[in-house]
Amino acid sequence: MHQRSGHYFQLRHNRNGTHDSICCTCFGTVSTTRNEFELARHELAHICDPVQLYQASQFAPQAMHNLGAIKRERELATPAAA
């Protein structure tokens, strides 16, 4: 999992040779590309859809809770900028 523009993204490598980037906030597929390096451009431009955020919070409350815990752990592990 990696972070760009304040969001965390999960990468998925598909059998057909494509790569998906999935936003861990709204659980939406940000992009599917043949070249994994092209995903960064799409991730930087990603804005979560408010409807998807609402649906994610209604149908996956445990996942949203777990995501919050992951973000807090990463924030605590990241040294503060001086």
Protein backbone atom coordinates (compact mmCIF):
# COMPACT_ATOMS: atom_id res chain seq x y z
CA MET A 1 0.00 0.00 0.00
CA HIS A 2 1.33 3.46 -0.78
CA GLN A 3 0.24 7.05 -0.34
CA ARG A 4 -0.19 9.91 -2.78
CA SER A 5 -2.08 13.18 -2.34
CA GLY A 6 -3.26 12.30 1.17
CA HIS A 7 -4.85 9.01 0.11
CA TYR A 8 -3.61 5.45 0.43
CA PHE A 9 -3.75 3.18 -2.60
CA GLN A 10 -3.58 -0.57 -2.97
CA LEU A 11 -2.08 -1.98 -6.15
CA ARG A 12 -3.44 -5.11 -7.79
CA HIS A 13 -1.62 -6.98 -10.54
CA ASN A 14 -4.09 -8.72 -12.85
CA ARG A 15 -3.58 -11.92 -14.82
CA ASN A 16 -4.05 -10.08 -18.12
CA GLY A 17 -0.97 -7.92 -17.43
CA THR A 18 -2.82 -4.80 -16.29
CA HIS A 19 -2.44 -3.04 -12.95
CA ASP A 20 -5.24 -1.54 -10.84
CA SER A 21 -4.93 1.22 -8.29
CA ILE A 22 -7.63 1.11 -5.61
CA CYS A 23 -8.28 4.00 -3.22
CA CYS A 24 -8.38 2.74 0.37
CA THR A 25 -10.62 5.63 1.40
CA CYS A 26 -13.55 5.23 -1.02
CA PHE A 27 -12.63 1.70 -2.25
CA GLY A 28 -12.97 2.89 -5.85
CA THR A 29 -10.73 1.72 -8.68
CA VAL A 30 -8.77 4.82 -9.59
CA SER A 31 -7.24 3.45 -12.78
CA THR A 32 -6.35 0.32 -14.70
CA THR A 33 -3.22 0.54 -16.86
CA ARG A 34 -0.81 -1.72 -18.69
CA ASN A 35 2.15 0.21 -17.28
CA GLU A 36 2.30 0.36 -13.48
CA PHE A 37 4.18 3.68 -13.59
CA GLU A 38 1.20 5.38 -15.27
CA LEU A 39 -0.88 4.83 -12.11
CA ALA A 40 0.89 7.68 -10.26
CA ARG A 41 -0.61 10.30 -12.58
CA HIS A 42 -4.12 9.00 -11.95
CA GLU A 43 -3.58 8.68 -8.19
CA LEU A 44 -2.41 12.30 -7.90
CA ALA A 45 -5.57 13.48 -9.66
CA HIS A 46 -7.94 11.22 -7.69
CA ILE A 47 -10.76 12.83 -5.71
CA CYS A 48 -13.05 10.48 -3.80
CA ASP A 49 -16.64 10.46 -5.00
CA PRO A 50 -18.90 11.52 -2.09
CA VAL A 51 -21.46 8.85 -3.01
CA GLN A 52 -18.79 6.13 -2.89
CA LEU A 53 -17.57 7.46 0.47
CA TYR A 54 -21.08 7.27 1.86
CA GLN A 55 -21.65 3.76 0.48
CA ALA A 56 -18.30 2.58 1.82
CA SER A 57 -19.17 3.88 5.27
CA GLN A 58 -22.61 2.20 5.20
CA PHE A 59 -21.70 -1.20 3.79
CA ALA A 60 -18.21 -1.64 5.15
CA PRO A 61 -18.08 0.00 8.59
CA GLN A 62 -15.48 -2.46 9.87
CA ALA A 63 -13.26 -1.81 6.85
CA MET A 64 -13.52 1.95 7.43
CA HIS A 65 -12.62 1.43 11.10
CA ASN A 66 -9.62 -0.71 10.13
CA LEU A 67 -8.50 1.89 7.58
CA GLY A 68 -8.60 4.57 10.27
CA ALA A 69 -6.43 2.41 12.51
CA ILE A 70 -3.93 1.85 9.69
CA LYS A 71 -3.72 5.60 9.02
CA ARG A 72 -3.17 6.35 12.73
CA GLU A 73 -0.40 3.73 12.94
CA ARG A 74 1.33 5.21 9.88
CA GLU A 75 1.04 8.75 11.25
CA LEU A 76 2.57 7.66 14.55
CA ALA A 77 5.38 5.80 12.76
CA THR A 78 6.21 8.74 10.47
CA PRO A 79 8.71 11.16 12.04
CA ALA A 80 7.44 14.73 12.26
CA ALA A 81 9.00 17.25 9.89
CA ALA A 82 11.22 19.80 11.61
